[in-house]
Structure formats: C-alpha cells, structure tokens
C-alpha cells in the first residue's frame, strides 16, 4: 500500500475541477488508486482568541468590577 499527499494542481484538469481542496491523499491499494480530498484541520482555539474583544459587556474591567462587588457582598 502506497500512501501520499499531493497538491491538487498537479492532477489532470478533469480531476482538478472535481476536487475542491488544495491537497489530495493518493492511496494505492490492491491495484486500485484512491483519491481522497485532504481538509486542513481548523484551529478553533486561535479563532476564539479575541472573539470577545468587541463586546464591552465582557471586558476584563467589567469582570474585575463584578469580582470586587462579589467580595464586598461576602465581607
């Protein structure tokens, strides 16, 4: 079994139009060649960083003010 990943652009035009990803996994198994589109994994954590930056209700200052108020209520 041979397993490789190649750029989609290296495929013939007909196959290139059928595959929407930039890379494709090529696997040869028992005399058959299988092409499987490779989707890049998404780094969801990096997408979430800063996602609340434009939300003033969730700012660090407001969070700290709520924490101080909670401590004052407990005291």
C-alpha atoms as a PDB file:
ATOM      1  CA  UNK A   1       0.000   0.000   0.000  1.00  0.00           C
ATOM      2  CA  UNK A   2       1.370   3.389  -1.028  1.00  0.00           C
ATOM      3  CA  UNK A   3       0.011   6.498   0.692  1.00  0.00           C
ATOM      4  CA  UNK A   4       0.997  10.055  -0.334  1.00  0.00           C
ATOM      5  CA  UNK A   5      -0.399  13.593  -0.204  1.00  0.00           C
ATOM      6  CA  UNK A   6      -0.014  15.782  -3.273  1.00  0.00           C
ATOM      7  CA  UNK A   7      -1.136  19.222  -4.411  1.00  0.00           C
ATOM      8  CA  UNK A   8      -4.418  19.177  -6.298  1.00  0.00           C
ATOM      9  CA  UNK A   9      -2.909  21.397  -9.013  1.00  0.00           C
ATOM     10  CA  UNK A  10      -0.701  18.501 -10.127  1.00  0.00           C
ATOM     11  CA  UNK A  11      -3.760  16.471 -11.156  1.00  0.00           C
ATOM     12  CA  UNK A  12      -5.152  16.485 -14.689  1.00  0.00           C
ATOM     13  CA  UNK A  13      -7.666  19.291 -15.361  1.00  0.00           C
ATOM     14  CA  UNK A  14     -10.678  16.945 -15.212  1.00  0.00           C
ATOM     15  CA  UNK A  15      -9.819  15.711 -11.689  1.00  0.00           C
ATOM     16  CA  UNK A  16      -8.696  19.169 -10.556  1.00  0.00           C
ATOM     17  CA  UNK A  17     -12.194  20.551 -11.239  1.00  0.00           C
ATOM     18  CA  UNK A  18     -13.829  17.760  -9.215  1.00  0.00           C
ATOM     19  CA  UNK A  19     -11.821  18.288  -6.022  1.00  0.00           C
ATOM     20  CA  UNK A  20     -12.381  21.472  -4.012  1.00  0.00           C
ATOM     21  CA  UNK A  21      -9.411  21.148  -1.625  1.00  0.00           C
ATOM     22  CA  UNK A  22      -5.809  22.196  -2.185  1.00  0.00           C
ATOM     23  CA  UNK A  23      -4.382  18.765  -1.335  1.00  0.00           C
ATOM     24  CA  UNK A  24      -5.435  15.211  -2.059  1.00  0.00           C
ATOM     25  CA  UNK A  25      -4.379  11.930  -0.474  1.00  0.00           C
ATOM     26  CA  UNK A  26      -3.385   9.301  -3.028  1.00  0.00           C
ATOM     27  CA  UNK A  27      -3.626   5.697  -1.882  1.00  0.00           C
ATOM     28  CA  UNK A  28      -2.787   2.635  -3.950  1.00  0.00           C
ATOM     29  CA  UNK A  29      -4.383  -0.492  -2.557  1.00  0.00           C
ATOM     30  CA  UNK A  30      -4.700  -3.837  -4.333  1.00  0.00           C
ATOM     31  CA  UNK A  31      -4.100  -2.314  -7.750  1.00  0.00           C
ATOM     32  CA  UNK A  32      -6.672   0.469  -7.264  1.00  0.00           C
ATOM     33  CA  UNK A  33      -5.827   4.146  -6.869  1.00  0.00           C
ATOM     34  CA  UNK A  34      -7.989   6.123  -4.436  1.00  0.00           C
ATOM     35  CA  UNK A  35      -8.049   9.922  -4.257  1.00  0.00           C
ATOM     36  CA  UNK A  36      -9.298  11.470  -1.013  1.00  0.00           C
ATOM     37  CA  UNK A  37      -9.530  15.268  -0.546  1.00  0.00           C
ATOM     38  CA  UNK A  38      -7.492  16.463   2.431  1.00  0.00           C
ATOM     39  CA  UNK A  39      -9.179  19.104   4.539  1.00  0.00           C
ATOM     40  CA  UNK A  40      -6.912  21.146   6.759  1.00  0.00           C
ATOM     41  CA  UNK A  41      -7.756  20.977  10.429  1.00  0.00           C
ATOM     42  CA  UNK A  42      -9.178  24.178  11.870  1.00  0.00           C
ATOM     43  CA  UNK A  43      -7.511  25.655  14.952  1.00  0.00           C
ATOM     44  CA  UNK A  44     -10.684  26.666  16.780  1.00  0.00           C
ATOM     45  CA  UNK A  45      -8.789  27.981  19.807  1.00  0.00           C
ATOM     46  CA  UNK A  46      -6.952  30.581  17.732  1.00  0.00           C
ATOM     47  CA  UNK A  47     -10.264  31.612  16.171  1.00  0.00           C
ATOM     48  CA  UNK A  48     -11.777  32.172  19.625  1.00  0.00           C
ATOM     49  CA  UNK A  49      -8.892  34.309  20.891  1.00  0.00           C
ATOM     50  CA  UNK A  50     -10.035  37.886  20.887  1.00  0.00           C
ATOM     51  CA  UNK A  51     -13.575  36.962  19.911  1.00  0.00           C
ATOM     52  CA  UNK A  52     -14.900  38.954  22.878  1.00  0.00           C
ATOM     53  CA  UNK A  53     -12.670  41.959  22.251  1.00  0.00           C
ATOM     54  CA  UNK A  54     -15.514  43.949  20.708  1.00  0.00           C
ATOM     55  CA  UNK A  55     -18.004  43.041  23.434  1.00  0.00           C
ATOM     56  CA  UNK A  56     -17.789  45.750  26.152  1.00  0.00           C
ATOM     57  CA  UNK A  57     -20.059  43.782  28.485  1.00  0.00           C
ATOM     58  CA  UNK A  58     -17.418  41.038  28.663  1.00  0.00           C
ATOM     59  CA  UNK A  59     -14.375  43.266  29.185  1.00  0.00           C
ATOM     60  CA  UNK A  60     -11.709  42.493  31.779  1.00  0.00           C
ATOM     61  CA  UNK A  61     -12.517  45.705  33.636  1.00  0.00           C
ATOM     62  CA  UNK A  62     -16.172  44.735  33.997  1.00  0.00           C
ATOM     63  CA  UNK A  63     -15.208  41.231  35.110  1.00  0.00           C
ATOM     64  CA  UNK A  64     -12.869  42.592  37.795  1.00  0.00           C
ATOM     65  CA  UNK A  65     -15.507  45.087  38.941  1.00  0.00           C
ATOM     66  CA  UNK A  66     -18.035  42.253  39.349  1.00  0.00           C
ATOM     67  CA  UNK A  67     -15.481  40.210  41.301  1.00  0.00           C
ATOM     68  CA  UNK A  68     -14.791  43.155  43.650  1.00  0.00           C
ATOM     69  CA  UNK A  69     -18.513  43.636  44.159  1.00  0.00           C
ATOM     70  CA  UNK A  70     -18.936  39.947  44.955  1.00  0.00           C
ATOM     71  CA  UNK A  71     -16.118  40.096  47.521  1.00  0.00           C
ATOM     72  CA  UNK A  72     -17.661  43.184  49.139  1.00  0.00           C
ATOM     73  CA  UNK A  73     -21.016  41.418  49.432  1.00  0.00           C
ATOM     74  CA  UNK A  74     -19.390  38.420  51.144  1.00  0.00           C
ATOM     75  CA  UNK A  75     -17.498  40.600  53.635  1.00  0.00           C
END
